Protein backbone atom coordinates (compact mmCIF):
# COMPACT_ATOMS: atom_id res chain seq x y z
CA MET A 1 18.50 15.39 -37.32
CA ALA A 2 17.61 12.89 -40.05
CA ARG A 3 18.13 14.54 -43.37
CA VAL A 4 16.74 13.96 -46.74
CA LYS A 5 18.91 12.62 -49.40
CA GLY A 6 18.61 14.11 -52.64
CA VAL A 7 18.12 12.67 -56.48
CA SER A 8 21.28 11.88 -57.69
CA ASP A 9 21.90 12.30 -61.22
CA GLU A 10 21.54 8.88 -62.04
CA HIS A 11 18.00 8.41 -60.89
CA ALA A 12 16.97 11.94 -62.42
CA GLY A 13 14.66 12.01 -64.82
CA TRP A 14 14.31 14.49 -67.93
CA LEU A 15 13.14 17.06 -66.08
CA THR A 16 15.22 16.99 -63.14
CA ARG A 17 18.44 16.44 -65.55
CA ALA A 18 17.19 19.60 -67.57
CA VAL A 19 17.22 21.55 -64.15
CA TYR A 20 20.46 20.05 -62.89
CA ALA A 21 22.29 21.32 -66.46
CA ALA A 22 20.52 24.84 -65.58
CA SER A 23 22.04 25.08 -61.92
CA ARG A 24 24.98 24.10 -62.98
CA ARG A 25 25.34 26.67 -65.37
CA ARG A 26 24.13 29.67 -63.37
CA LEU A 27 25.71 28.38 -59.70
CA ARG A 28 28.21 25.90 -61.09
CA ARG A 29 26.85 23.15 -58.82
CA VAL A 30 23.59 21.36 -57.86
CA PRO A 31 22.47 23.03 -54.29
CA GLY A 32 21.03 20.57 -51.87
CA PRO A 33 17.34 21.81 -51.82
CA VAL A 34 17.16 21.53 -55.52
CA ARG A 35 18.07 17.51 -55.47
CA VAL A 36 15.67 16.81 -52.41
CA THR A 37 12.80 19.27 -53.88
CA ALA A 38 13.21 17.04 -57.29
CA HIS A 39 11.39 14.24 -55.26
CA ASN A 40 8.50 16.03 -56.74
CA GLY A 41 8.02 17.09 -60.20
CA TRP A 42 5.28 19.19 -59.68
CA VAL A 43 6.85 21.24 -56.56
CA LEU A 44 9.86 21.23 -58.61
CA THR A 45 8.53 22.98 -61.64
CA ALA A 46 6.85 25.39 -58.95
CA MET A 47 10.10 26.30 -57.55
CA CYS A 48 11.45 26.86 -60.86
CA GLY A 49 8.58 29.00 -62.23
CA PHE A 50 8.80 30.88 -58.96
CA GLU A 51 12.72 31.62 -59.45
CA MET A 52 12.45 32.59 -63.12
CA GLY A 53 9.60 34.93 -62.21
CA PHE A 54 11.37 36.43 -59.31
CA GLU A 55 14.98 36.71 -61.49
CA ARG A 56 12.20 38.66 -64.35
CA ALA A 57 10.58 41.48 -61.94
CA HIS A 58 12.03 44.46 -62.73
CA HIS A 59 9.65 46.64 -60.49
CA VAL A 60 12.68 46.61 -57.67
CA GLU A 61 16.54 47.21 -58.51
CA GLU A 62 18.30 44.04 -58.29
CA ARG A 63 20.59 44.94 -55.50
CA LEU A 64 17.09 45.65 -52.77
CA LYS A 65 16.57 41.81 -54.45
CA VAL A 66 19.55 40.16 -53.59
CA LEU A 67 19.31 42.01 -50.16
CA ALA A 68 15.68 40.30 -49.44
CA GLU A 69 16.79 37.01 -50.42
CA ILE A 70 19.88 37.20 -47.82
CA ARG A 71 17.66 38.73 -45.30
CA ALA A 72 14.86 36.02 -45.78
CA ALA A 73 17.52 32.95 -45.62
CA THR A 74 19.14 34.50 -42.53
CA MET A 75 15.51 34.38 -41.05
CA VAL A 76 14.99 31.10 -41.63
CA GLY A 77 18.38 29.80 -40.71
CA CYS A 78 19.26 28.54 -44.32
CA PRO A 79 22.96 27.12 -44.45
CA PHE A 80 23.98 28.75 -47.87
């Protein structure tokens, strides 16, 4: 199966570097999907906006949000 290579740190623009830095602060690494999404700045921006909105949603308790994330990842076959 062919895989898309992610944007390396050397080839990243200013927006991508900011996203990589935030990812490293939160996760201590940059996940592969973030590196692949960085090929398109509009998609990267939309993904970041979605994630920030998801984190700031307080209508559902945190435990339930994490369980929903895990279930969704399981359903689509996410490897991590």
